[in-house]
């Protein structure tokens, strides 16, 4: 698998965009290039729209209004104004603005969708978007305001504003008026959109899919990280390896479960603490014994989401769509976000479980009644020191919050546009909510990792020669490079800030890549 942080340029238009390429552009600022063949397709599609407008044929969004106003015809002289008005009137998103990586992802997906040549926009618009991405002019897009059908109208309108020299954008660390940002970057804007372009720029699932792709990438890293951290916790708690015997997992046949069991045994191989702990008990508690069953089910859920997101990243989700080969203009509903809504709600539920079982392992390490011989709350001198007591409290708080956030967004719908758009997906809400859950999971796993390193060091103090496996030691050393063993109570805020940063760092991602 390509490592996104090592990719310097991504080319779209000739083949499918993959997850690694998406992350390279969205998160790691790789340059974007669109093939000339794609620009040629876009021009042919644009020529078809011009012919339709000139003949004054009935075509949604070209010679009619939008939504319920599709019943209203629009003269060809006003068709261009119709497109511009759409962007101006629809830019009503509100709340905090999306992170730049989300907006970069939205712009990339919009370019990828338009590159199919089914949306009728000028190639010029895509060239402007690509130039914005490559020069770092990133629109300010508020998070709230999308129903997830007809696409992500409000947030995408805030991107389209920049093409017109309006709105706001970040550029070189400053938040500027759109016109000023584009001028400073040396990017020409357009005075007006032309017929169909308003829909082409706003009528897609690019906000929810950008969030979905980022969530997916993080979830893929989280599940492997969870296996590795769980293996360290298992060692610190003198866990038994029999529960990971491949024979029992093959009998069940769940692929994620089989994969996780193999991971745990591989990660523990060579650990002296682990090998010398075997036979201490017949079986462990569920949070240790059932790691393959729980992590494995989450892994299978992530695999399902990966398939759906991979399809949607390369989908054309505009409406109507143009087919240049026979001149057809077909109205449909590809903008409806149900595929992403279900996938993001499912992913949110799955990753919540990763944090839930992680917190239970953390609790076992700090609880002297459950830790198989570790000191209370992992304190060298318990009583006068509280040690890791409140680390578990904070983890429990985030796990509880995830239980609220994991309620599905897709089961709700509010009709809009005078009941023309009477069933919507809430897919963008599902994706936003999933991203909050994922951040909580990163934190909980970070807390478990910090706790497990403390527990391992306490075991080592009693048995100096005891050690971790090669895989586990990679992660342990990364932590200990930043955070030392905690001898007595100190300002834990400082160590928590360090582990929060480390657990999300490129360095930790690289360790996970090495262990795959």
Protein backbone atom coordinates (compact mmCIF):
# COMPACT_ATOMS: atom_id res chain seq x y z
CA UNK A 1 0.00 0.00 0.00
CA UNK A 2 1.30 3.48 -0.88
CA UNK A 3 2.01 5.71 2.09
CA UNK A 4 -0.01 8.92 1.62
CA UNK A 5 2.58 11.07 3.38
CA UNK A 6 5.16 10.04 0.77
CA UNK A 7 3.05 10.83 -2.34
CA UNK A 8 3.95 14.14 -4.01
CA UNK A 9 1.47 14.31 -6.92
CA UNK A 10 -1.89 12.72 -7.67
CA UNK A 11 -3.33 12.55 -11.19
CA UNK A 12 -7.08 12.19 -11.77
CA UNK A 13 -9.17 11.78 -14.89
CA UNK A 14 -7.74 8.57 -16.34
CA UNK A 15 -8.30 6.08 -13.52
CA UNK A 16 -10.03 5.75 -10.17
CA UNK A 17 -8.88 7.88 -7.26
CA UNK A 18 -7.78 5.60 -4.40
CA UNK A 19 -7.85 6.30 -0.68
CA UNK A 20 -4.09 6.85 -0.44
CA UNK A 21 -4.20 9.43 -3.23
CA UNK A 22 -7.13 11.18 -1.60
CA UNK A 23 -5.34 11.41 1.76
CA UNK A 24 -2.13 12.58 0.07
CA UNK A 25 -3.94 15.62 -1.39
CA UNK A 26 -6.39 16.30 1.44
CA UNK A 27 -4.15 15.81 4.47
CA UNK A 28 -0.57 15.98 3.22
CA UNK A 29 -0.93 18.69 0.53
CA UNK A 30 0.24 16.61 -2.44
CA UNK A 31 -0.18 18.41 -5.76
CA UNK A 32 -3.19 17.63 -7.96
CA UNK A 33 -3.14 17.21 -11.73
CA UNK A 34 -6.05 16.53 -14.09
CA UNK A 35 -5.44 14.66 -17.35
CA UNK A 36 -5.98 16.42 -20.68
CA UNK A 37 -8.39 13.65 -21.68
CA UNK A 38 -10.61 14.65 -18.76
CA UNK A 39 -10.60 18.29 -19.86
CA UNK A 40 -11.63 17.17 -23.35
CA UNK A 41 -14.56 15.20 -21.90
CA UNK A 42 -15.63 18.24 -19.89
CA UNK A 43 -15.57 20.42 -23.01
CA UNK A 44 -17.77 18.01 -24.96
CA UNK A 45 -20.23 18.00 -22.05
CA UNK A 46 -20.15 21.80 -21.95
CA UNK A 47 -20.89 21.98 -25.68
CA UNK A 48 -24.00 19.83 -25.14
CA UNK A 49 -25.32 22.22 -22.48
CA UNK A 50 -24.81 25.17 -24.82
CA UNK A 51 -26.85 23.45 -27.53
CA UNK A 52 -29.67 22.68 -25.08
CA UNK A 53 -29.76 26.27 -23.86
CA UNK A 54 -29.70 27.71 -27.37
CA UNK A 55 -32.63 25.51 -28.43
CA UNK A 56 -34.48 26.37 -25.20
CA UNK A 57 -35.16 22.66 -24.58
CA UNK A 58 -36.67 21.72 -21.22
CA UNK A 59 -33.82 20.52 -18.99
CA UNK A 60 -33.71 20.74 -15.22
CA UNK A 61 -31.39 23.44 -13.90
CA UNK A 62 -30.51 24.60 -17.41
CA UNK A 63 -33.81 26.03 -18.60
CA UNK A 64 -35.79 25.54 -15.36
CA UNK A 65 -35.47 26.59 -11.74
CA UNK A 66 -34.32 24.29 -8.95
CA UNK A 67 -36.11 21.93 -6.55
CA UNK A 68 -39.80 22.78 -6.39
CA UNK A 69 -39.03 25.64 -8.81
CA UNK A 70 -38.28 23.09 -11.55
CA UNK A 71 -41.81 23.95 -12.72
CA UNK A 72 -40.64 27.46 -13.56
CA UNK A 73 -39.09 27.92 -17.01
CA UNK A 74 -36.08 30.18 -17.44
CA UNK A 75 -35.31 32.05 -20.68
CA UNK A 76 -31.91 31.35 -22.22
CA UNK A 77 -30.92 34.97 -21.61
CA UNK A 78 -31.32 34.42 -17.85
CA UNK A 79 -29.84 30.91 -17.70
CA UNK A 80 -26.36 32.13 -16.72
CA UNK A 81 -27.76 34.34 -13.96
CA UNK A 82 -29.68 31.30 -12.69
CA UNK A 83 -26.39 29.43 -12.06
CA UNK A 84 -24.74 32.34 -10.27
CA UNK A 85 -27.85 33.00 -8.17
CA UNK A 86 -27.86 29.35 -7.09
CA UNK A 87 -24.43 29.69 -5.49
CA UNK A 88 -25.21 33.06 -3.90
CA UNK A 89 -28.53 31.92 -2.42
CA UNK A 90 -27.34 28.49 -1.28
CA UNK A 91 -24.22 29.59 0.64
CA UNK A 92 -25.98 29.48 4.00
CA UNK A 93 -23.90 26.96 5.95
CA UNK A 94 -23.11 28.03 9.51
CA UNK A 95 -21.13 27.05 12.60
CA UNK A 96 -17.41 26.43 12.94
CA UNK A 97 -15.54 25.95 9.69
CA UNK A 98 -14.32 22.55 8.53
CA UNK A 99 -10.65 21.73 8.93
CA UNK A 100 -8.61 22.48 5.84
CA UNK A 101 -8.10 18.77 5.11
CA UNK A 102 -11.87 18.28 4.82
CA UNK A 103 -12.26 21.21 2.42
CA UNK A 104 -9.24 20.11 0.37
CA UNK A 105 -10.88 16.69 0.13
CA UNK A 106 -14.18 18.26 -0.98
CA UNK A 107 -12.39 20.20 -3.73
CA UNK A 108 -10.51 17.09 -4.88
CA UNK A 109 -13.70 15.01 -5.04
CA UNK A 110 -15.53 17.79 -6.88
CA UNK A 111 -12.76 17.92 -9.49
CA UNK A 112 -12.80 14.13 -9.77
CA UNK A 113 -16.55 14.04 -10.29
CA UNK A 114 -16.49 16.82 -12.89
CA UNK A 115 -13.61 15.10 -14.72
CA UNK A 116 -16.06 12.41 -15.92
CA UNK A 117 -17.54 14.97 -18.31
CA UNK A 118 -21.17 14.39 -17.32
CA UNK A 119 -21.88 17.68 -15.54
CA UNK A 120 -21.71 20.32 -18.29
CA UNK A 121 -19.30 22.78 -16.69
CA UNK A 122 -16.44 24.57 -18.41
CA UNK A 123 -12.99 22.99 -17.94
CA UNK A 124 -11.95 26.45 -16.73
CA UNK A 125 -13.72 25.90 -13.41
CA UNK A 126 -11.79 22.72 -12.67
CA UNK A 127 -8.55 24.45 -13.61
CA UNK A 128 -9.37 27.16 -11.06
CA UNK A 129 -10.12 24.59 -8.34
CA UNK A 130 -6.90 22.70 -9.06
CA UNK A 131 -4.92 25.93 -8.91
CA UNK A 132 -6.54 26.81 -5.58
CA UNK A 133 -5.59 23.42 -4.16
CA UNK A 134 -2.01 23.55 -5.40
CA UNK A 135 -1.45 27.14 -4.24
CA UNK A 136 -3.17 26.65 -0.88
CA UNK A 137 -6.23 28.88 -1.24
CA UNK A 138 -8.73 26.96 0.88
CA UNK A 139 -12.33 28.21 1.18
CA UNK A 140 -13.82 28.75 4.60
CA UNK A 141 -16.70 26.26 4.72
CA UNK A 142 -18.98 26.18 7.79
CA UNK A 143 -19.84 22.68 9.01
CA UNK A 144 -23.61 22.90 9.50
CA UNK A 145 -26.31 23.15 6.88
CA UNK A 146 -26.39 20.03 4.71
CA UNK A 147 -29.28 17.57 4.62
CA UNK A 148 -27.21 15.14 2.56
CA UNK A 149 -29.65 15.48 -0.40
CA UNK A 150 -29.72 17.18 -2.90
CA UNK A 151 -26.09 16.64 -2.20
CA UNK A 152 -24.13 18.96 0.06
CA UNK A 153 -25.65 22.12 -1.35
CA UNK A 154 -24.78 24.64 1.36
CA UNK A 155 -21.15 23.66 2.06
CA UNK A 156 -20.30 23.21 -1.63
CA UNK A 157 -21.75 26.65 -2.36
CA UNK A 158 -19.14 28.16 -0.03
CA UNK A 159 -16.43 26.59 -2.22
CA UNK A 160 -18.11 27.83 -5.40
CA UNK A 161 -18.13 31.38 -4.00
CA UNK A 162 -14.33 31.50 -4.31
CA UNK A 163 -14.53 30.76 -8.03
CA UNK A 164 -16.59 33.97 -8.26
CA UNK A 165 -14.10 35.88 -6.12
CA UNK A 166 -16.50 35.93 -3.18
CA UNK A 167 -16.68 34.20 0.20
CA UNK A 168 -13.66 33.78 2.47
CA UNK A 169 -10.54 31.64 2.32
CA UNK A 170 -7.40 30.81 4.23
CA UNK A 171 -4.15 31.57 2.45
CA UNK A 172 -0.68 31.33 3.97
CA UNK A 173 -2.06 31.31 7.49
CA UNK A 174 -4.47 34.23 7.05
CA UNK A 175 -8.26 34.32 6.71
CA UNK A 176 -9.00 36.67 3.84
CA UNK A 177 -11.92 37.82 1.73
CA UNK A 178 -12.18 35.48 -1.25
CA UNK A 179 -11.29 38.11 -3.83
CA UNK A 180 -8.17 39.16 -1.92
CA UNK A 181 -7.02 35.55 -1.33
CA UNK A 182 -7.36 34.69 -5.01
CA UNK A 183 -5.58 37.87 -6.07
CA UNK A 184 -2.66 37.26 -3.69
CA UNK A 185 -2.31 33.70 -5.02
CA UNK A 186 -2.45 34.94 -8.61
CA UNK A 187 -5.61 32.99 -9.50
CA UNK A 188 -8.16 34.50 -11.91
CA UNK A 189 -11.83 34.27 -10.95
CA UNK A 190 -14.97 34.42 -13.12
CA UNK A 191 -17.54 37.21 -13.05
CA UNK A 192 -20.44 34.83 -13.53
CA UNK A 193 -21.18 31.15 -13.90
CA UNK A 194 -22.91 29.95 -17.03
CA UNK A 195 -25.89 27.66 -17.45
CA UNK A 196 -25.76 24.38 -15.47
CA UNK A 197 -22.50 25.28 -13.66
CA UNK A 198 -24.21 26.24 -10.40
CA UNK A 199 -25.62 22.73 -10.13
CA UNK A 200 -22.37 21.12 -11.25
CA UNK A 201 -20.45 22.84 -8.45
CA UNK A 202 -22.95 22.28 -5.63
CA UNK A 203 -25.12 19.24 -6.37
CA UNK A 204 -22.95 16.38 -5.09
CA UNK A 205 -21.99 14.34 -2.03
CA UNK A 206 -18.48 15.74 -1.80
CA UNK A 207 -18.64 17.11 1.77
CA UNK A 208 -19.91 13.90 3.34
CA UNK A 209 -17.59 11.80 1.17
CA UNK A 210 -14.53 13.87 2.05
CA UNK A 211 -15.34 13.40 5.72
CA UNK A 212 -16.05 9.72 5.08
CA UNK A 213 -12.70 9.13 3.36
CA UNK A 214 -10.78 10.87 6.14
CA UNK A 215 -12.76 8.92 8.74
CA UNK A 216 -12.09 5.67 6.90
CA UNK A 217 -8.33 6.28 6.70
CA UNK A 218 -8.22 7.08 10.41
CA UNK A 219 -10.33 4.02 11.23
CA UNK A 220 -7.98 1.75 9.25
CA UNK A 221 -5.09 3.08 11.32
CA UNK A 222 -7.10 2.90 14.55
CA UNK A 223 -7.93 -0.78 14.21
CA UNK A 224 -4.29 -1.80 13.65
CA UNK A 225 -3.19 0.54 16.42
CA UNK A 226 -5.83 -0.95 18.72
CA UNK A 227 -4.46 -4.45 18.08
CA UNK A 228 -0.90 -3.36 18.87
CA UNK A 229 -1.85 -1.42 22.02
CA UNK A 230 -4.10 -4.26 23.17
CA UNK A 231 -1.17 -6.65 22.84
CA UNK A 232 0.90 -4.47 25.19
CA UNK A 233 -1.99 -4.32 27.68
CA UNK A 234 -2.37 -8.09 27.39
CA UNK A 235 1.31 -8.52 28.28
CA UNK A 236 1.10 -6.07 31.17
CA UNK A 237 -1.85 -8.03 32.57
CA UNK A 238 -0.08 -11.41 32.13
CA UNK A 239 -2.75 -12.52 29.64
CA UNK A 240 -3.10 -16.05 28.31
CA UNK A 241 -2.37 -16.83 24.66
CA UNK A 242 -4.78 -19.75 24.33
CA UNK A 243 -7.65 -17.39 23.43
CA UNK A 244 -5.73 -16.42 20.28
CA UNK A 245 -5.10 -19.95 19.03
CA UNK A 246 -5.91 -19.86 15.32
CA UNK A 247 -7.82 -23.13 15.44
CA UNK A 248 -10.74 -21.67 17.38
CA UNK A 249 -10.98 -18.62 15.09
CA UNK A 250 -10.90 -20.71 11.93
CA UNK A 251 -13.83 -22.70 13.29
CA UNK A 252 -15.90 -19.53 13.43
CA UNK A 253 -14.68 -18.23 10.07
CA UNK A 254 -15.06 -14.49 10.65
CA UNK A 255 -12.20 -12.94 8.68
CA UNK A 256 -11.65 -9.88 10.85
CA UNK A 257 -11.51 -12.07 13.93
CA UNK A 258 -8.94 -14.38 12.33
CA UNK A 259 -6.84 -11.39 11.27
CA UNK A 260 -6.89 -9.83 14.75
CA UNK A 261 -5.98 -13.08 16.53
CA UNK A 262 -2.99 -13.47 14.22
CA UNK A 263 -2.01 -9.87 14.88
CA UNK A 264 -2.06 -10.28 18.65
CA UNK A 265 0.09 -13.42 18.57
CA UNK A 266 2.49 -11.81 16.09
CA UNK A 267 2.78 -8.66 18.18
CA UNK A 268 3.40 -10.67 21.38
CA UNK A 269 5.95 -13.05 19.87
CA UNK A 270 9.30 -12.62 21.61
CA UNK A 271 7.91 -10.96 24.74
CA UNK A 272 9.49 -12.60 27.77
CA UNK A 273 6.79 -11.25 30.07
CA UNK A 274 4.15 -12.87 27.89
CA UNK A 275 5.88 -16.24 27.52
CA UNK A 276 6.49 -16.55 31.25
CA UNK A 277 2.89 -15.65 32.06
CA UNK A 278 1.37 -18.67 30.35
CA UNK A 279 -0.44 -21.14 32.60
CA UNK A 280 -1.15 -18.61 35.37
CA UNK A 281 -4.91 -19.05 34.82
CA UNK A 282 -7.32 -20.98 32.62
CA UNK A 283 -8.86 -17.94 30.94
CA UNK A 284 -8.96 -14.15 31.07
CA UNK A 285 -11.80 -11.64 31.26
CA UNK A 286 -13.61 -10.76 28.05
CA UNK A 287 -11.76 -7.47 27.46
CA UNK A 288 -8.62 -9.61 26.94
CA UNK A 289 -9.95 -12.96 25.83
CA UNK A 290 -12.40 -11.53 23.29
CA UNK A 291 -10.09 -9.01 21.63
CA UNK A 292 -10.26 -10.98 18.33
CA UNK A 293 -14.04 -11.19 18.39
CA UNK A 294 -14.57 -7.48 19.15
CA UNK A 295 -11.71 -5.93 17.18
CA UNK A 296 -12.38 -8.40 14.38
CA UNK A 297 -16.02 -7.41 14.04
CA UNK A 298 -14.94 -3.76 13.93
CA UNK A 299 -12.36 -4.64 11.29
CA UNK A 300 -15.05 -6.28 9.14
CA UNK A 301 -17.28 -3.22 9.51
CA UNK A 302 -14.42 -0.99 8.38
CA UNK A 303 -13.89 -3.24 5.34
CA UNK A 304 -17.53 -2.73 4.34
CA UNK A 305 -17.16 1.03 4.71
CA UNK A 306 -13.95 0.97 2.66
CA UNK A 307 -15.80 -0.59 -0.26
CA UNK A 308 -18.61 1.99 -0.16
CA UNK A 309 -16.33 5.01 0.25
CA UNK A 310 -14.07 3.79 -2.56
CA UNK A 311 -17.06 3.72 -4.89
CA UNK A 312 -18.40 7.11 -3.81
CA UNK A 313 -15.04 8.87 -4.20
CA UNK A 314 -15.21 8.08 -7.91
CA UNK A 315 -18.93 8.59 -8.40
CA UNK A 316 -20.70 11.27 -10.42
CA UNK A 317 -23.29 12.67 -8.01
CA UNK A 318 -24.55 15.69 -9.95
CA UNK A 319 -28.07 16.16 -11.30
CA UNK A 320 -29.07 16.21 -14.09
CA UNK A 321 -26.40 14.21 -15.91
CA UNK A 322 -25.50 14.68 -19.52
CA UNK A 323 -24.72 11.93 -22.02
CA UNK A 324 -22.93 13.48 -24.96
CA UNK A 325 -23.11 10.32 -27.10
CA UNK A 326 -26.87 10.68 -27.70
CA UNK A 327 -27.57 14.14 -26.28
CA UNK A 328 -29.57 12.85 -23.30
CA UNK A 329 -30.10 14.94 -20.18
CA UNK A 330 -31.33 12.65 -17.42
CA UNK A 331 -32.65 13.78 -14.05
CA UNK A 332 -32.07 11.34 -11.21
CA UNK A 333 -30.98 11.21 -7.60
CA UNK A 334 -27.26 10.36 -7.46
CA UNK A 335 -26.84 13.29 -5.08
CA UNK A 336 -28.74 11.39 -2.38
CA UNK A 337 -26.32 10.55 0.42
CA UNK A 338 -27.88 7.36 1.75
CA UNK A 339 -24.87 5.15 0.86
CA UNK A 340 -22.55 7.41 2.88
CA UNK A 341 -25.11 8.00 5.64
CA UNK A 342 -25.44 4.28 6.38
CA UNK A 343 -21.70 3.71 6.04
CA UNK A 344 -20.78 6.56 8.39
CA UNK A 345 -23.34 5.56 11.01
CA UNK A 346 -22.03 1.99 10.82
CA UNK A 347 -18.43 3.18 11.09
CA UNK A 348 -19.27 5.37 14.07
CA UNK A 349 -20.81 2.42 15.88
CA UNK A 350 -17.86 0.17 15.02
CA UNK A 351 -15.11 2.51 16.16
CA UNK A 352 -17.05 3.31 19.33
CA UNK A 353 -16.62 -0.34 20.26
CA UNK A 354 -12.84 -0.05 19.84
CA UNK A 355 -12.80 2.66 22.51
CA UNK A 356 -15.25 0.84 24.76
CA UNK A 357 -13.16 -2.32 25.07
CA UNK A 358 -9.96 -0.23 25.28
CA UNK A 359 -11.30 1.56 28.35
CA UNK A 360 -12.10 -1.80 29.97
CA UNK A 361 -8.49 -2.94 29.49
CA UNK A 362 -7.31 0.36 30.97
CA UNK A 363 -9.57 -0.18 33.98
CA UNK A 364 -8.09 -3.62 34.57
CA UNK A 365 -4.56 -2.18 34.60
CA UNK A 366 -5.34 0.49 37.22
CA UNK A 367 -7.65 -1.62 39.41
CA UNK A 368 -5.61 -3.66 41.93
CA UNK A 369 -8.45 -6.17 42.15
CA UNK A 370 -8.19 -6.92 38.42
CA UNK A 371 -4.58 -6.21 37.42
CA UNK A 372 -2.97 -9.51 38.42
CA UNK A 373 -0.43 -7.99 40.77
CA UNK A 374 0.14 -4.44 39.56
CA UNK A 375 0.20 -1.63 42.12
CA UNK A 376 -3.05 0.30 42.73
CA UNK A 377 -3.59 2.85 39.97
CA UNK A 378 -0.05 2.09 38.76
CA UNK A 379 1.43 4.35 41.41
CA UNK A 380 4.85 3.60 42.89
CA UNK A 381 3.59 4.92 46.22
CA UNK A 382 -0.23 4.58 46.22
CA UNK A 383 -2.18 6.47 48.84
CA UNK A 384 -0.31 9.73 48.83
CA UNK A 385 -0.31 9.41 45.03
CA UNK A 386 -3.40 8.81 42.85
CA UNK A 387 -1.36 7.63 39.86
CA UNK A 388 -3.49 6.83 36.80
CA UNK A 389 -6.84 6.90 38.63
CA UNK A 390 -8.29 9.85 36.71
CA UNK A 391 -6.85 8.73 33.39
CA UNK A 392 -9.47 5.99 33.53
CA UNK A 393 -12.16 8.55 34.48
CA UNK A 394 -11.43 10.63 31.39
CA UNK A 395 -11.41 7.57 29.15
CA UNK A 396 -14.76 6.49 30.60
CA UNK A 397 -16.17 9.95 29.92
CA UNK A 398 -15.22 9.79 26.24
CA UNK A 399 -16.57 6.26 25.89
CA UNK A 400 -19.87 7.41 27.37
CA UNK A 401 -19.96 10.38 24.99
CA UNK A 402 -19.43 8.03 22.06
CA UNK A 403 -22.50 6.04 23.09
CA UNK A 404 -24.58 9.19 22.59
CA UNK A 405 -22.86 10.12 19.32
CA UNK A 406 -23.25 6.60 17.90
CA UNK A 407 -27.02 7.01 17.56
CA UNK A 408 -27.63 6.82 13.78
CA UNK A 409 -28.25 10.08 11.94
CA UNK A 410 -29.62 8.32 8.85
CA UNK A 411 -32.84 7.25 10.57
CA UNK A 412 -33.98 10.88 10.57
CA UNK A 413 -35.36 12.90 7.66
CA UNK A 414 -36.94 16.35 7.34
CA UNK A 415 -38.69 17.25 4.06
CA UNK A 416 -37.46 20.33 2.20
CA UNK A 417 -38.11 22.41 -0.95
CA UNK A 418 -41.91 22.44 -0.53
CA UNK A 419 -41.86 18.65 -0.06
CA UNK A 420 -40.24 18.04 -3.47
CA UNK A 421 -37.20 16.80 -1.58
CA UNK A 422 -39.22 14.82 0.91
CA UNK A 423 -36.72 12.18 2.08
CA UNK A 424 -33.13 13.16 2.86
CA UNK A 425 -30.14 11.19 4.16
CA UNK A 426 -28.53 13.34 6.88
CA UNK A 427 -25.32 11.73 5.58
CA UNK A 428 -23.16 14.77 6.31
CA UNK A 429 -24.35 14.78 9.91
CA UNK A 430 -23.50 11.08 10.13
CA UNK A 431 -20.01 11.73 8.77
CA UNK A 432 -19.41 14.74 11.05
CA UNK A 433 -20.58 12.74 14.05
CA UNK A 434 -18.35 9.83 13.10
CA UNK A 435 -15.33 12.14 12.99
CA UNK A 436 -16.05 13.27 16.58
CA UNK A 437 -16.26 9.65 17.67
CA UNK A 438 -12.95 8.87 15.97
CA UNK A 439 -11.21 11.70 17.81
CA UNK A 440 -12.50 10.26 21.09
CA UNK A 441 -11.21 6.82 20.09
CA UNK A 442 -7.76 8.22 19.35
CA UNK A 443 -7.74 9.77 22.82
CA UNK A 444 -8.92 6.62 24.61
CA UNK A 445 -6.33 4.48 22.80
CA UNK A 446 -3.69 7.05 23.70
CA UNK A 447 -4.71 6.81 27.34
CA UNK A 448 -4.56 3.01 27.18
CA UNK A 449 -1.12 3.15 25.55
CA UNK A 450 0.27 5.53 28.19
CA UNK A 451 -1.20 3.34 30.94
CA UNK A 452 0.15 0.14 29.40
CA UNK A 453 3.68 1.60 29.21
CA UNK A 454 3.48 2.52 32.90
CA UNK A 455 2.24 -0.99 33.74
CA UNK A 456 5.04 -2.62 31.72
CA UNK A 457 7.65 -0.54 33.54
CA UNK A 458 6.22 -1.57 36.89
CA UNK A 459 6.55 -5.23 35.85
CA UNK A 460 10.11 -4.53 34.71
CA UNK A 461 11.04 -2.96 38.02
CA UNK A 462 10.23 -6.24 39.69
CA UNK A 463 11.79 -8.37 36.95
CA UNK A 464 14.48 -6.31 35.21
CA UNK A 465 15.08 -8.77 32.38
CA UNK A 466 11.47 -8.97 31.32
CA UNK A 467 10.80 -7.29 27.99
CA UNK A 468 8.41 -6.61 25.15
CA UNK A 469 8.42 -7.99 21.64
CA UNK A 470 10.12 -6.18 18.76
CA UNK A 471 6.78 -4.84 17.49
CA UNK A 472 5.63 -3.69 20.90
CA UNK A 473 8.96 -2.08 21.65
CA UNK A 474 8.68 0.17 18.57
CA UNK A 475 5.58 1.75 20.04
CA UNK A 476 6.90 1.72 23.62
CA UNK A 477 10.09 3.54 22.59
CA UNK A 478 8.10 6.15 20.67
CA UNK A 479 6.12 6.88 23.83
CA UNK A 480 9.12 6.88 26.13
CA UNK A 481 10.96 9.28 23.83
CA UNK A 482 8.32 11.86 24.75
CA UNK A 483 6.95 10.72 28.11
CA UNK A 484 8.94 9.13 30.91
CA UNK A 485 7.89 6.71 33.65
CA UNK A 486 5.75 8.54 36.22
CA UNK A 487 7.32 8.09 39.66
CA UNK A 488 4.86 10.22 41.61
CA UNK A 489 1.91 12.54 41.09
CA UNK A 490 2.71 15.44 38.80
CA UNK A 491 0.87 17.78 36.47
CA UNK A 492 -0.67 15.03 34.33
CA UNK A 493 -2.06 17.59 31.92
CA UNK A 494 1.39 17.87 30.36
CA UNK A 495 1.72 14.13 29.73
CA UNK A 496 -1.86 13.89 28.46
CA UNK A 497 -1.21 16.68 25.94
CA UNK A 498 1.87 14.80 24.76
CA UNK A 499 0.08 11.47 24.29
CA UNK A 500 -2.85 13.22 22.56
CA UNK A 501 -0.42 14.71 20.05
CA UNK A 502 1.62 11.53 19.66
CA UNK A 503 -1.32 9.21 19.06
CA UNK A 504 -2.34 11.34 16.04
CA UNK A 505 1.18 11.95 14.71
CA UNK A 506 2.75 10.96 11.41
CA UNK A 507 5.49 9.22 13.44
CA UNK A 508 2.98 6.90 15.08
CA UNK A 509 1.29 6.25 11.72
CA UNK A 510 4.71 5.24 10.36
CA UNK A 511 5.14 2.75 13.22
CA UNK A 512 1.76 1.22 12.40
CA UNK A 513 2.77 0.97 8.74
CA UNK A 514 5.94 -0.88 9.79
CA UNK A 515 3.95 -3.34 11.89
CA UNK A 516 1.40 -4.21 9.21
